[in-house]
């Protein structure tokens, strides 16, 4: 699956996107896998309450299943008018 990082998430990880093979069942499981990889991922995902996630360009929760998902995007909440 493709994993995309936006705004300060991208800055902390140092990549805009990457392709991953994962056995994670949910978004939360994927986050745990990523955090275990390196400190930069742990820093980026230290406070998931400050993040939003989209699965195949649809907003989702961190409890959402990943089965059949092709793209996961992590980004901070958006504001504006």
C-alpha atoms as a PDB file:
ATOM      1  CA  UNK A   1       0.000   0.000   0.000  1.00  0.00           C
ATOM      2  CA  UNK A   2       1.039   3.601  -0.476  1.00  0.00           C
ATOM      3  CA  UNK A   3       1.418   5.674   2.680  1.00  0.00           C
ATOM      4  CA  UNK A   4       1.389   9.458   2.275  1.00  0.00           C
ATOM      5  CA  UNK A   5       2.543  12.014   4.831  1.00  0.00           C
ATOM      6  CA  UNK A   6       1.527  15.680   4.788  1.00  0.00           C
ATOM      7  CA  UNK A   7       2.597  18.894   6.546  1.00  0.00           C
ATOM      8  CA  UNK A   8       4.577  18.411   9.775  1.00  0.00           C
ATOM      9  CA  UNK A   9       4.134  14.624   9.599  1.00  0.00           C
ATOM     10  CA  UNK A  10       6.140  14.648   6.361  1.00  0.00           C
ATOM     11  CA  UNK A  11       8.716  16.973   7.899  1.00  0.00           C
ATOM     12  CA  UNK A  12       9.286  14.720  10.913  1.00  0.00           C
ATOM     13  CA  UNK A  13       9.493  11.516   8.884  1.00  0.00           C
ATOM     14  CA  UNK A  14      11.464  13.076   6.039  1.00  0.00           C
ATOM     15  CA  UNK A  15       9.429  11.458   3.259  1.00  0.00           C
ATOM     16  CA  UNK A  16       6.327  12.559   1.377  1.00  0.00           C
ATOM     17  CA  UNK A  17       5.277   8.955   0.651  1.00  0.00           C
ATOM     18  CA  UNK A  18       6.424   5.372   0.709  1.00  0.00           C
ATOM     19  CA  UNK A  19       5.182   1.979  -0.411  1.00  0.00           C
ATOM     20  CA  UNK A  20       4.790  -0.551   2.400  1.00  0.00           C
ATOM     21  CA  UNK A  21       3.984  -4.190   2.826  1.00  0.00           C
ATOM     22  CA  UNK A  22       2.159  -4.619   6.122  1.00  0.00           C
ATOM     23  CA  UNK A  23       0.250  -7.215   8.062  1.00  0.00           C
ATOM     24  CA  UNK A  24      -1.548  -4.495  10.053  1.00  0.00           C
ATOM     25  CA  UNK A  25      -5.283  -5.076  10.388  1.00  0.00           C
ATOM     26  CA  UNK A  26      -6.206  -1.492  11.313  1.00  0.00           C
ATOM     27  CA  UNK A  27      -4.805   2.008  10.967  1.00  0.00           C
ATOM     28  CA  UNK A  28      -3.801   1.886  14.649  1.00  0.00           C
ATOM     29  CA  UNK A  29      -1.852  -1.328  13.995  1.00  0.00           C
ATOM     30  CA  UNK A  30      -0.086   0.342  11.067  1.00  0.00           C
ATOM     31  CA  UNK A  31       0.827   3.324  13.248  1.00  0.00           C
ATOM     32  CA  UNK A  32       2.279   0.943  15.864  1.00  0.00           C
ATOM     33  CA  UNK A  33       4.365  -0.780  13.158  1.00  0.00           C
ATOM     34  CA  UNK A  34       5.627   2.557  11.874  1.00  0.00           C
ATOM     35  CA  UNK A  35       6.469   3.850  15.350  1.00  0.00           C
ATOM     36  CA  UNK A  36       8.559   0.737  16.002  1.00  0.00           C
ATOM     37  CA  UNK A  37      10.647   1.337  12.863  1.00  0.00           C
ATOM     38  CA  UNK A  38      12.634   4.432  13.827  1.00  0.00           C
ATOM     39  CA  UNK A  39      12.598   7.416  16.168  1.00  0.00           C
ATOM     40  CA  UNK A  40      11.450   9.754  13.402  1.00  0.00           C
ATOM     41  CA  UNK A  41       8.229   7.736  12.999  1.00  0.00           C
ATOM     42  CA  UNK A  42       7.763   7.574  16.760  1.00  0.00           C
ATOM     43  CA  UNK A  43       8.056  11.378  16.888  1.00  0.00           C
ATOM     44  CA  UNK A  44       5.597  11.869  14.044  1.00  0.00           C
ATOM     45  CA  UNK A  45       2.964   9.587  15.581  1.00  0.00           C
ATOM     46  CA  UNK A  46       3.560  10.396  19.262  1.00  0.00           C
ATOM     47  CA  UNK A  47       0.177  12.139  19.540  1.00  0.00           C
ATOM     48  CA  UNK A  48      -2.328  10.615  17.122  1.00  0.00           C
ATOM     49  CA  UNK A  49      -5.049  12.884  18.539  1.00  0.00           C
ATOM     50  CA  UNK A  50      -3.282  15.621  16.543  1.00  0.00           C
ATOM     51  CA  UNK A  51      -3.611  13.627  13.306  1.00  0.00           C
ATOM     52  CA  UNK A  52      -6.254  12.685  10.798  1.00  0.00           C
ATOM     53  CA  UNK A  53      -6.169   9.729   8.446  1.00  0.00           C
ATOM     54  CA  UNK A  54      -7.722   9.069   5.065  1.00  0.00           C
ATOM     55  CA  UNK A  55      -8.076   5.657   3.461  1.00  0.00           C
ATOM     56  CA  UNK A  56      -8.304   5.765  -0.318  1.00  0.00           C
ATOM     57  CA  UNK A  57      -9.039   9.513   0.004  1.00  0.00           C
ATOM     58  CA  UNK A  58     -11.917   9.081   2.491  1.00  0.00           C
ATOM     59  CA  UNK A  59     -11.593  10.276   6.079  1.00  0.00           C
ATOM     60  CA  UNK A  60     -11.451   7.365   8.508  1.00  0.00           C
ATOM     61  CA  UNK A  61     -10.754   6.539  12.134  1.00  0.00           C
ATOM     62  CA  UNK A  62      -7.636   4.927  13.520  1.00  0.00           C
ATOM     63  CA  UNK A  63      -9.773   1.854  14.280  1.00  0.00           C
ATOM     64  CA  UNK A  64     -10.665   1.456  10.592  1.00  0.00           C
ATOM     65  CA  UNK A  65      -9.672  -1.807   8.890  1.00  0.00           C
ATOM     66  CA  UNK A  66      -6.989  -1.782   6.212  1.00  0.00           C
ATOM     67  CA  UNK A  67      -8.204  -4.777   4.210  1.00  0.00           C
ATOM     68  CA  UNK A  68      -8.373  -3.789   0.549  1.00  0.00           C
ATOM     69  CA  UNK A  69      -6.999  -0.287   1.171  1.00  0.00           C
ATOM     70  CA  UNK A  70      -4.502   0.952  -1.422  1.00  0.00           C
ATOM     71  CA  UNK A  71      -3.621   4.349   0.039  1.00  0.00           C
ATOM     72  CA  UNK A  72      -3.298   5.672   3.591  1.00  0.00           C
ATOM     73  CA  UNK A  73      -2.692   9.381   4.167  1.00  0.00           C
ATOM     74  CA  UNK A  74      -1.730  10.996   7.467  1.00  0.00           C
ATOM     75  CA  UNK A  75      -2.141  14.747   8.016  1.00  0.00           C
ATOM     76  CA  UNK A  76      -2.911  17.310  10.718  1.00  0.00           C
ATOM     77  CA  UNK A  77      -6.460  18.663  11.021  1.00  0.00           C
ATOM     78  CA  UNK A  78      -7.211  21.320   8.463  1.00  0.00           C
ATOM     79  CA  UNK A  79      -8.645  24.706   9.282  1.00  0.00           C
ATOM     80  CA  UNK A  80      -9.750  27.540   7.129  1.00  0.00           C
ATOM     81  CA  UNK A  81     -12.714  29.174   5.543  1.00  0.00           C
END
